[in-house]
Amino acid sequence: MVHTKPSLLIVDDDPLISDTLTYVLSKDFEISAAESRAQVKSLLMQLDEPPQLALVDLGLPPHPHKPDEGFALIADLLSISPSIKILVLSGQSDEANARHARALGAIDFVAKPCEPERLKSLLFNALLVQDAERSADKEPAPVSKDSGIVGKSLAMDKLRQQIEQYAAAPFPVLIEGESGSGKERVASNLHQMSPRSSKPYLALNCAAISPTLVEPTLFGYAKGAFTGATSARAGYFEEAENGTLFLDEIGELPLELQAKLLRVLENGEYQRVGETQPRFSNARVVTATNRDLRAEIKSGHFRADLYHRLSVFSIAVPPLREMGEDKLSLLNHFRDFYAREAKGQAFQLDPRAQQMWEDYHFPGNVRELRNIAIRLTTKYPGMVVNAQQLEDELDTDQAYPQEIPLANDGKALIELARKQLQTLANFNLDITLRQWEKAYVEAALNMTHGNLSQAAKLLGINRTTLYSRMQTYGSE
């Protein structure tokens, strides 16, 4: 019997480190290696499926002394494969960057240099977590047997009601929400609660495959349709017949294919690549995006008619920061689940740690919360976690800059203003306010990897206002 090794992607621009890790780990893992974010994108297009694991160095070209490319790569990998487990390769002094990487979705970080056996242990533990999650995803979460959506807030009640309301209908559903908010779970639940639940459920991430392969993947192809097409093959629309087809990252669909998708949605008709006779599909299409498709329409990157066809029903998955006490409900859910999987005892938060948890903004949403629960379960089984121990797992440097008090803390702001007026010569209020505004804008853009629509939402302003202010900064 052939046992395939788990797949591991190593991304580091230092050949010595990459070669050493490959040598040490190749006995236990099927290794793919890359030196940059661009190489990773090219490599993933060539693989039949994304790797199960990734070791990612934050300092990558073209700016190896900054973590921006590493942060963006984490987001790229998770958009292509939400189940991938990413470990960050980190220098000893990179604690703040490692925290932010974990907030983006990395499961943990590994300080360089790392003992090979410890690295192997971390990777195999990540595989165990991945296997447990895949098993759990086959069943609705135990908190709600109807939808599998954990939480009792008004936002979660609305989400459950929408899923129940739309599940039985044959019409398309567009699911919108930030990265890590649980859009895939909503799509799965729409299928599980529908009359089609016994039929196929197929999922395709439009960002995960080369644009040239999207059409044959969706619609199939005839023998000889292109180089390498040695036999005819059915596409996702054909295989999902009478079931559900989930198209994630729909905003990545090339413009030339959007018209063909629109045709299927309008009358169920499509053609295999290399064929002329029409075929018909009765699959229900559910799509998801973390982009602002309305803004994409204005910029000419997405068809307005396709958007309106896809959004017959629309579901907005709320970010975790808007879910109030559900943060604790989700913590308890994941904590108990991973404690059971590890056959150990669940940890507890002391009162100060619990308050810190409730105040935390969770930039990585449910994915970040789940990863924190995994790390706490591993480090503190059956123990009481204090505020300092919890803070070590949170991206607090991004959440609360120490030099600028929170906006709703009037006394702290007044005290800061008093100190500045007393100590700064030639103080200028206009310049100071501009500096604060610019800092918040840059922070929002950093957190959303340059996505103007998401940054504008974080800042509570509209996209055109944000763009106008950015143009002003550029002219200063």
Protein backbone atom coordinates (compact mmCIF):
# COMPACT_ATOMS: atom_id res chain seq x y z
CA MET A 1 0.00 0.00 0.00
CA VAL A 2 1.42 3.39 -1.03
CA HIS A 3 1.47 6.08 1.66
CA THR A 4 1.76 9.61 0.28
CA LYS A 5 3.70 12.11 2.32
CA PRO A 6 2.00 15.35 3.42
CA SER A 7 2.83 18.32 1.20
CA LEU A 8 4.86 21.25 2.54
CA LEU A 9 5.68 24.59 0.92
CA ILE A 10 8.88 26.32 2.09
CA VAL A 11 9.24 30.03 1.26
CA ASP A 12 12.55 31.68 2.13
CA ASP A 13 14.86 33.84 0.03
CA ASP A 14 17.98 32.47 1.75
CA PRO A 15 19.08 29.39 -0.27
CA LEU A 16 21.06 28.03 2.68
CA ILE A 17 17.98 28.01 4.93
CA SER A 18 15.69 26.68 2.20
CA ASP A 19 18.10 23.91 1.18
CA THR A 20 18.73 22.93 4.80
CA LEU A 21 15.01 22.74 5.61
CA THR A 22 14.37 20.73 2.46
CA TYR A 23 17.13 18.27 3.37
CA VAL A 24 15.92 17.90 6.97
CA LEU A 25 12.21 17.59 6.17
CA SER A 26 12.13 15.76 2.82
CA LYS A 27 12.05 12.34 4.49
CA ASP A 28 8.66 13.12 6.06
CA PHE A 29 7.17 15.70 3.67
CA GLU A 30 6.74 16.27 -0.04
CA ILE A 31 8.58 19.58 -0.41
CA SER A 32 7.96 22.50 -2.75
CA ALA A 33 10.19 25.55 -2.38
CA ALA A 34 10.07 29.17 -3.50
CA GLU A 35 12.07 32.31 -2.83
CA SER A 36 9.41 35.00 -3.30
CA ARG A 37 5.70 35.69 -3.32
CA ALA A 38 5.71 35.82 -7.13
CA GLN A 39 7.39 32.40 -7.32
CA VAL A 40 4.78 30.97 -4.95
CA LYS A 41 1.95 32.17 -7.18
CA SER A 42 3.59 30.60 -10.22
CA LEU A 43 4.30 27.37 -8.35
CA LEU A 44 0.74 27.00 -7.05
CA MET A 45 -0.62 27.26 -10.58
CA GLN A 46 1.46 24.20 -11.51
CA LEU A 47 0.39 22.01 -8.58
CA ASP A 48 -2.67 19.76 -8.80
CA GLU A 49 -3.75 20.96 -5.36
CA PRO A 50 -2.42 23.46 -2.79
CA PRO A 51 0.05 22.18 -0.17
CA GLN A 52 -1.27 21.14 3.21
CA LEU A 53 1.40 23.05 5.14
CA ALA A 54 3.62 26.09 4.60
CA LEU A 55 6.74 27.49 6.27
CA VAL A 56 6.89 31.18 5.38
CA ASP A 57 9.66 33.68 6.06
CA LEU A 58 8.29 37.19 6.48
CA GLY A 59 11.26 38.99 4.94
CA LEU A 60 10.87 38.30 1.22
CA PRO A 61 11.93 40.13 -1.96
CA PRO A 62 11.67 42.83 -3.15
CA HIS A 63 11.93 44.21 0.41
CA PRO A 64 13.59 41.44 2.46
CA HIS A 65 14.04 43.68 5.49
CA LYS A 66 10.31 44.41 5.76
CA PRO A 67 7.51 41.93 6.55
CA ASP A 68 4.98 43.28 4.04
CA GLU A 69 5.54 40.60 1.37
CA GLY A 70 5.33 37.85 3.98
CA PHE A 71 2.08 39.26 5.34
CA ALA A 72 0.63 39.48 1.82
CA LEU A 73 1.73 35.91 1.06
CA ILE A 74 -0.10 34.61 4.14
CA ALA A 75 -3.27 36.26 2.86
CA ASP A 76 -2.65 34.85 -0.63
CA LEU A 77 -2.21 31.29 0.63
CA LEU A 78 -5.31 31.40 2.82
CA SER A 79 -7.42 32.86 0.02
CA ILE A 80 -6.34 29.98 -2.22
CA SER A 81 -6.61 27.27 0.45
CA PRO A 82 -8.42 28.25 3.68
CA SER A 83 -7.44 24.94 5.28
CA ILE A 84 -3.68 25.36 4.78
CA LYS A 85 -1.66 25.55 8.01
CA ILE A 86 1.04 28.22 7.91
CA LEU A 87 3.99 28.45 10.29
CA VAL A 88 5.98 31.67 10.17
CA LEU A 89 9.76 31.49 10.18
CA SER A 90 10.74 34.35 12.47
CA GLY A 91 13.84 35.99 13.86
CA GLN A 92 14.15 36.26 17.64
CA SER A 93 13.33 39.98 17.51
CA ASP A 94 10.27 39.62 15.29
CA GLU A 95 7.67 39.13 18.04
CA ALA A 96 5.44 42.01 16.91
CA ASN A 97 5.54 40.85 13.28
CA ALA A 98 4.90 37.27 14.32
CA ARG A 99 1.83 38.39 16.26
CA HIS A 100 0.46 40.18 13.23
CA ALA A 101 1.18 37.15 11.04
CA ARG A 102 -0.86 35.01 13.41
CA ALA A 103 -3.67 37.55 13.31
CA LEU A 104 -3.69 37.20 9.52
CA GLY A 105 -4.13 33.44 9.84
CA ALA A 106 -0.75 31.82 10.48
CA ILE A 107 -1.15 29.05 13.03
CA ASP A 108 2.12 29.84 14.84
CA PHE A 109 5.66 31.11 14.42
CA VAL A 110 9.00 29.38 14.66
CA ALA A 111 12.03 31.32 15.87
CA LYS A 112 15.24 30.84 13.88
CA PRO A 113 17.24 28.71 14.36
CA CYS A 114 14.89 25.87 15.24
CA GLU A 115 15.75 22.30 16.19
CA PRO A 116 14.65 19.94 13.40
CA GLU A 117 12.74 17.63 15.74
CA ARG A 118 10.78 20.53 17.22
CA LEU A 119 9.98 21.81 13.74
CA LYS A 120 8.77 18.37 12.69
CA SER A 121 6.65 18.15 15.84
CA LEU A 122 5.01 21.52 15.10
CA LEU A 123 4.29 20.50 11.52
CA PHE A 124 2.80 17.13 12.50
CA ASN A 125 0.68 18.83 15.18
CA ALA A 126 -0.60 21.21 12.50
CA LEU A 127 -1.55 18.20 10.38
CA LEU A 128 -3.48 16.70 13.29
CA VAL A 129 -5.36 19.97 13.72
CA GLN A 130 -6.09 20.05 9.99
CA ASP A 131 -7.42 16.48 10.03
CA ALA A 132 -9.64 17.24 13.02
CA GLU A 133 -11.07 20.32 11.33
CA ARG A 134 -11.82 18.43 8.13
CA SER A 135 -13.66 15.78 10.09
CA ALA A 136 -15.62 18.40 11.97
CA ASP A 137 -16.50 20.30 8.78
CA LYS A 138 -18.38 17.25 7.55
CA GLU A 139 -20.90 17.77 10.35
CA PRO A 140 -22.72 20.91 11.48
CA ALA A 141 -21.22 22.48 14.59
CA PRO A 142 -22.91 21.22 17.79
CA VAL A 143 -24.10 24.61 19.02
CA SER A 144 -26.85 24.71 16.40
CA LYS A 145 -27.97 21.54 14.68
CA ASP A 146 -29.90 23.64 12.16
CA SER A 147 -27.11 25.78 10.73
CA GLY A 148 -23.85 25.09 12.53
CA ILE A 149 -23.45 28.84 13.20
CA VAL A 150 -22.08 29.49 16.69
CA GLY A 151 -23.32 32.53 18.63
CA LYS A 152 -26.40 34.23 20.04
CA SER A 153 -25.84 37.86 19.00
CA LEU A 154 -28.30 39.71 16.80
CA ALA A 155 -25.82 39.47 13.93
CA MET A 156 -25.65 35.68 14.25
CA ASP A 157 -29.42 35.38 14.61
CA LYS A 158 -29.81 37.34 11.38
CA LEU A 159 -27.23 35.16 9.65
CA ARG A 160 -29.00 31.94 10.72
CA GLN A 161 -32.35 33.32 9.59
CA GLN A 162 -30.94 34.21 6.17
CA ILE A 163 -29.40 30.77 5.72
CA GLU A 164 -32.68 29.06 6.67
CA GLN A 165 -34.67 31.44 4.45
CA TYR A 166 -32.47 31.06 1.36
CA ALA A 167 -31.45 27.39 1.64
CA ALA A 168 -34.50 25.92 -0.07
CA ALA A 169 -34.56 28.38 -2.99
CA PRO A 170 -32.90 27.46 -6.31
CA PHE A 171 -31.54 30.97 -6.89
CA PRO A 172 -27.90 32.12 -6.61
CA VAL A 173 -26.55 33.48 -3.32
CA LEU A 174 -23.66 35.93 -2.96
CA ILE A 175 -21.83 35.72 0.38
CA GLU A 176 -19.79 38.81 1.31
CA GLY A 177 -17.43 39.20 4.24
CA GLU A 178 -13.88 39.81 5.37
CA SER A 179 -11.16 37.18 5.14
CA GLY A 180 -11.48 34.59 7.89
CA SER A 181 -15.08 35.45 8.74
CA GLY A 182 -16.53 32.05 7.79
CA LYS A 183 -17.97 32.45 4.30
CA GLU A 184 -17.13 28.84 3.43
CA ARG A 185 -19.13 27.62 6.41
CA VAL A 186 -22.16 29.64 5.29
CA ALA A 187 -21.95 28.17 1.78
CA SER A 188 -21.70 24.64 3.16
CA ASN A 189 -24.69 25.23 5.43
CA LEU A 190 -26.79 26.56 2.57
CA HIS A 191 -26.22 23.23 0.83
CA GLN A 192 -26.69 21.05 3.94
CA MET A 193 -30.04 22.69 4.75
CA SER A 194 -31.34 22.61 1.17
CA PRO A 195 -33.36 19.91 -0.63
CA ARG A 196 -30.12 19.30 -2.57
CA SER A 197 -28.19 18.11 0.49
CA SER A 198 -27.99 14.53 -0.83
CA LYS A 199 -26.63 15.79 -4.16
CA PRO A 200 -23.03 16.82 -4.94
CA TYR A 201 -21.45 19.87 -3.29
CA LEU A 202 -18.43 21.10 -5.23
CA ALA A 203 -16.23 24.06 -4.29
CA LEU A 204 -13.81 25.91 -6.54
CA ASN A 205 -11.58 28.79 -5.43
CA CYS A 206 -11.28 31.10 -8.44
CA ALA A 207 -8.01 32.49 -7.05
CA ALA A 208 -6.43 29.05 -6.71
CA ILE A 209 -5.97 28.12 -10.36
CA SER A 210 -4.47 29.71 -13.43
CA PRO A 211 -6.91 31.90 -15.41
CA THR A 212 -6.29 29.67 -18.43
CA LEU A 213 -7.56 26.64 -16.51
CA VAL A 214 -10.73 28.20 -15.10
CA GLU A 215 -12.84 27.56 -18.19
CA PRO A 216 -11.98 23.85 -18.67
CA THR A 217 -12.29 23.33 -14.92
CA LEU A 218 -15.78 24.84 -14.80
CA PHE A 219 -17.15 23.58 -18.11
CA GLY A 220 -15.02 20.55 -18.96
CA TYR A 221 -13.27 19.86 -22.25
CA ALA A 222 -13.27 17.54 -25.25
CA LYS A 223 -10.45 15.21 -26.20
CA GLY A 224 -7.81 17.16 -28.11
CA ALA A 225 -9.25 20.54 -27.12
CA PHE A 226 -5.77 21.70 -26.10
CA THR A 227 -2.29 20.30 -25.54
CA GLY A 228 -2.51 17.66 -22.82
CA ALA A 229 -6.24 16.98 -23.27
CA THR A 230 -5.75 13.28 -24.02
CA SER A 231 -9.31 12.43 -23.08
CA ALA A 232 -12.61 14.20 -22.56
CA ARG A 233 -13.41 15.40 -19.06
CA ALA A 234 -16.47 16.77 -17.31
CA GLY A 235 -16.31 20.13 -15.57
CA TYR A 236 -17.65 21.30 -12.23
CA PHE A 237 -21.01 22.38 -13.64
CA GLU A 238 -21.57 18.92 -15.04
CA GLU A 239 -20.39 17.10 -11.92
CA ALA A 240 -22.47 19.34 -9.64
CA GLU A 241 -25.66 18.59 -11.59
CA ASN A 242 -28.74 19.07 -9.32
CA GLY A 243 -26.39 19.90 -6.44
CA THR A 244 -24.53 23.04 -5.37
CA LEU A 245 -21.48 24.67 -6.93
CA PHE A 246 -19.63 27.05 -4.60
CA LEU A 247 -17.35 29.55 -6.34
CA ASP A 248 -15.11 31.23 -3.78
CA GLU A 249 -13.20 34.44 -4.52
CA ILE A 250 -15.58 35.16 -7.41
CA GLY A 251 -14.02 38.61 -7.79
CA GLU A 252 -10.94 36.86 -9.24
CA LEU A 253 -12.87 35.41 -12.19
CA PRO A 254 -11.38 36.75 -15.46
CA LEU A 255 -13.60 39.18 -17.34
CA GLU A 256 -13.70 37.00 -20.46
CA LEU A 257 -15.22 34.15 -18.44
CA GLN A 258 -17.77 36.28 -16.65
CA ALA A 259 -19.98 36.35 -19.77
CA LYS A 260 -19.91 32.54 -19.99
CA LEU A 261 -20.82 32.21 -16.31
CA LEU A 262 -23.67 34.67 -16.86
CA ARG A 263 -24.99 32.49 -19.67
CA VAL A 264 -25.13 29.43 -17.41
CA LEU A 265 -26.93 31.41 -14.73
CA GLU A 266 -29.50 32.71 -17.19
CA ASN A 267 -30.50 29.47 -18.93
CA GLY A 268 -28.28 26.68 -17.58
CA GLU A 269 -26.48 26.36 -20.94
CA TYR A 270 -22.74 25.90 -21.39
CA GLN A 271 -20.26 24.17 -23.69
CA ARG A 272 -17.22 22.06 -22.99
CA VAL A 273 -14.00 23.56 -24.31
CA GLY A 274 -13.51 22.19 -27.83
CA GLU A 275 -17.19 21.29 -28.35
CA THR A 276 -20.01 23.09 -30.12
CA GLN A 277 -23.09 21.28 -28.83
CA PRO A 278 -24.73 22.87 -25.77
CA ARG A 279 -24.99 21.15 -22.42
CA PHE A 280 -27.23 22.10 -19.52
CA SER A 281 -26.68 22.25 -15.77
CA ASN A 282 -29.19 22.50 -12.97
CA ALA A 283 -26.56 23.20 -10.30
CA ARG A 284 -27.27 25.96 -7.83
CA VAL A 285 -24.49 28.54 -7.78
CA VAL A 286 -23.29 30.06 -4.51
CA THR A 287 -20.45 32.58 -4.62
CA ALA A 288 -18.32 34.38 -2.06
CA THR A 289 -16.00 37.37 -2.04
CA ASN A 290 -14.08 39.60 0.34
CA ARG A 291 -13.94 42.32 -2.32
CA ASP A 292 -16.36 45.20 -2.83
CA LEU A 293 -17.86 44.03 -6.13
CA ARG A 294 -19.71 47.31 -6.58
CA ALA A 295 -16.36 49.09 -6.59
CA GLU A 296 -15.01 46.43 -8.97
CA ILE A 297 -17.91 47.20 -11.33
CA LYS A 298 -17.07 50.91 -11.30
CA SER A 299 -13.43 50.14 -12.06
CA GLY A 300 -14.42 47.90 -14.97
CA HIS A 301 -13.16 44.66 -13.41
CA PHE A 302 -16.55 43.01 -12.85
CA ARG A 303 -19.70 42.87 -14.95
CA ALA A 304 -22.71 44.64 -13.49
CA ASP A 305 -25.16 42.16 -15.09
CA LEU A 306 -23.26 39.20 -13.57
CA TYR A 307 -23.23 40.87 -10.16
CA HIS A 308 -27.00 41.34 -10.21
CA ARG A 309 -27.50 37.73 -11.31
CA LEU A 310 -25.23 36.36 -8.58
CA SER A 311 -26.77 38.49 -5.84
CA VAL A 312 -30.41 37.44 -6.20
CA PHE A 313 -29.92 36.69 -2.52
CA SER A 314 -27.06 38.31 -0.63
CA ILE A 315 -25.63 37.39 2.77
CA ALA A 316 -23.18 39.62 4.65
CA VAL A 317 -21.10 37.65 7.16
CA PRO A 318 -20.30 40.05 10.03
CA PRO A 319 -16.71 40.56 11.21
CA LEU A 320 -15.96 39.09 14.62
CA ARG A 321 -15.38 42.52 16.18
CA GLU A 322 -19.12 43.22 15.77
CA MET A 323 -20.26 40.03 17.49
CA GLY A 324 -20.01 41.06 21.17
CA GLU A 325 -20.32 38.16 23.59
CA ASP A 326 -20.14 35.67 20.72
CA LYS A 327 -16.36 36.04 20.98
CA LEU A 328 -16.58 34.04 24.21
CA SER A 329 -19.07 31.55 22.78
CA LEU A 330 -16.73 30.86 19.88
CA LEU A 331 -13.75 30.57 22.22
CA ASN A 332 -15.59 27.99 24.33
CA HIS A 333 -16.66 26.09 21.21
CA PHE A 334 -13.16 25.83 19.72
CA ARG A 335 -11.46 25.36 23.09
CA ASP A 336 -13.66 22.39 23.96
CA PHE A 337 -13.33 20.91 20.46
CA TYR A 338 -9.53 21.01 20.39
CA ALA A 339 -9.27 19.80 23.99
CA ARG A 340 -11.37 16.76 23.03
CA GLU A 341 -9.23 16.15 19.94
CA ALA A 342 -6.06 16.36 22.05
CA LYS A 343 -7.67 14.12 24.70
CA GLY A 344 -6.78 16.72 27.31
CA GLN A 345 -8.41 19.26 29.58
CA ALA A 346 -9.66 22.65 28.44
CA PHE A 347 -7.95 25.85 29.60
CA GLN A 348 -9.74 28.73 31.31
CA LEU A 349 -9.25 32.51 31.18
CA ASP A 350 -8.89 34.46 34.40
CA PRO A 351 -11.13 37.57 34.76
CA ARG A 352 -8.55 40.03 33.37
CA ALA A 353 -7.75 37.77 30.43
CA GLN A 354 -11.46 37.34 29.71
CA GLN A 355 -11.94 41.12 29.63
CA MET A 356 -8.95 41.43 27.29
CA TRP A 357 -10.53 38.78 25.05
CA GLU A 358 -13.83 40.66 24.93
CA ASP A 359 -12.06 43.94 24.09
CA TYR A 360 -9.80 42.51 21.39
CA HIS A 361 -10.71 43.45 17.79
CA PHE A 362 -9.70 40.16 16.02
CA PRO A 363 -8.44 41.51 12.67
CA GLY A 364 -8.24 37.90 11.40
CA ASN A 365 -11.82 37.15 12.45
CA VAL A 366 -12.90 33.59 13.29
CA ARG A 367 -9.82 32.07 11.65
CA GLU A 368 -7.59 34.05 14.03
CA LEU A 369 -9.74 33.15 17.04
CA ARG A 370 -9.57 29.47 16.16
CA ASN A 371 -5.79 29.54 15.84
CA ILE A 372 -5.45 31.29 19.21
CA ALA A 373 -7.63 28.58 20.76
CA ILE A 374 -5.34 25.93 19.25
CA ARG A 375 -2.20 27.55 20.66
CA LEU A 376 -3.69 28.07 24.13
CA THR A 377 -4.94 24.47 24.19
CA THR A 378 -1.44 23.26 23.31
CA LYS A 379 0.44 25.50 25.75
CA TYR A 380 -1.90 25.57 28.75
CA PRO A 381 -3.98 22.34 28.92
CA GLY A 382 -6.22 22.36 31.99
CA MET A 383 -4.64 25.61 33.23
CA VAL A 384 -5.90 29.12 33.96
CA VAL A 385 -4.53 31.56 31.39
CA ASN A 386 -3.69 35.02 32.70
CA ALA A 387 -3.76 38.34 30.86
CA GLN A 388 -0.03 38.37 30.08
CA GLN A 389 -0.12 34.85 28.68
CA LEU A 390 -3.10 35.76 26.52
CA GLU A 391 -1.57 39.03 25.35
CA ASP A 392 1.40 37.09 23.99
CA GLU A 393 -1.02 35.45 21.51
CA LEU A 394 -2.80 38.66 20.39
CA ASP A 395 -1.89 41.25 17.79
CA THR A 396 -2.11 44.03 20.34
CA ASP A 397 0.56 46.13 18.62
CA GLN A 398 -1.77 46.57 15.67
CA ALA A 399 -4.87 46.91 17.82
CA TYR A 400 -3.95 49.66 20.25
CA PRO A 401 -0.98 51.93 19.42
CA GLN A 402 0.49 53.04 22.72
CA GLU A 403 1.24 56.58 21.56
CA ILE A 404 -2.38 57.35 20.60
CA PRO A 405 -5.13 56.76 23.21
CA LEU A 406 -8.41 55.24 22.08
CA ALA A 407 -10.78 57.79 20.61
CA ASN A 408 -13.48 57.20 23.23
CA ASP A 409 -11.08 57.78 26.10
CA GLY A 410 -11.63 61.52 26.55
CA LYS A 411 -9.48 61.96 29.66
CA ALA A 412 -6.50 60.22 28.08
CA LEU A 413 -6.77 62.37 24.97
CA ILE A 414 -6.95 65.55 27.02
CA GLU A 415 -3.92 64.51 29.05
CA LEU A 416 -1.95 63.77 25.87
CA ALA A 417 -2.97 67.13 24.41
CA ARG A 418 -1.87 68.89 27.62
CA LYS A 419 1.57 67.24 27.51
CA GLN A 420 2.10 68.12 23.86
CA LEU A 421 1.07 71.75 24.33
CA GLN A 422 3.39 72.04 27.32
CA THR A 423 6.42 70.40 25.71
CA LEU A 424 6.26 71.00 21.95
CA ALA A 425 7.49 74.30 20.53
CA ASN A 426 5.58 75.78 17.58
CA PHE A 427 2.71 73.30 18.01
CA ASN A 428 0.33 73.26 15.03
CA LEU A 429 -3.08 71.67 15.48
CA ASP A 430 -3.72 71.20 11.75
CA ILE A 431 -0.41 69.37 11.24
CA THR A 432 -1.00 67.16 14.29
CA LEU A 433 -4.49 66.16 13.17
CA ARG A 434 -3.19 65.42 9.69
CA GLN A 435 -0.47 63.18 11.15
CA TRP A 436 -3.03 61.24 13.19
CA GLU A 437 -5.35 60.89 10.22
CA LYS A 438 -2.51 59.69 8.00
CA ALA A 439 -1.42 57.15 10.64
CA TYR A 440 -4.92 55.65 10.86
CA VAL A 441 -5.22 55.50 7.08
CA GLU A 442 -1.85 53.77 6.72
CA ALA A 443 -2.75 51.33 9.52
CA ALA A 444 -6.06 50.45 7.84
CA LEU A 445 -4.38 49.95 4.47
CA ASN A 446 -1.72 47.77 6.08
CA MET A 447 -4.33 45.62 7.83
CA THR A 448 -6.30 45.14 4.61
CA HIS A 449 -3.26 44.75 2.33
CA GLY A 450 -4.16 47.84 0.32
CA ASN A 451 -7.84 46.99 -0.24
CA LEU A 452 -9.43 50.47 -0.32
CA SER A 453 -12.97 49.26 0.25
CA GLN A 454 -12.11 47.24 3.36
CA ALA A 455 -9.85 50.01 4.69
CA ALA A 456 -12.65 52.55 4.26
CA LYS A 457 -14.99 50.29 6.24
CA LEU A 458 -12.47 50.05 9.08
CA LEU A 459 -12.13 53.84 9.13
CA GLY A 460 -15.88 54.48 8.95
CA ILE A 461 -15.66 56.57 5.75
CA ASN A 462 -16.63 55.89 2.17
CA ARG A 463 -14.16 54.67 -0.43
CA THR A 464 -14.09 57.88 -2.47
CA THR A 465 -13.31 59.94 0.64
CA LEU A 466 -10.42 57.62 1.49
CA TYR A 467 -9.05 57.78 -2.04
CA SER A 468 -9.28 61.59 -2.03
CA ARG A 469 -7.35 61.82 1.23
CA MET A 470 -4.69 59.42 -0.04
CA GLN A 471 -4.25 61.60 -3.11
CA THR A 472 -3.75 64.59 -0.81
CA TYR A 473 -1.07 62.75 1.16
CA GLY A 474 0.75 61.92 -2.05
CA SER A 475 0.93 65.58 -3.05
CA GLU A 476 2.31 66.75 0.27
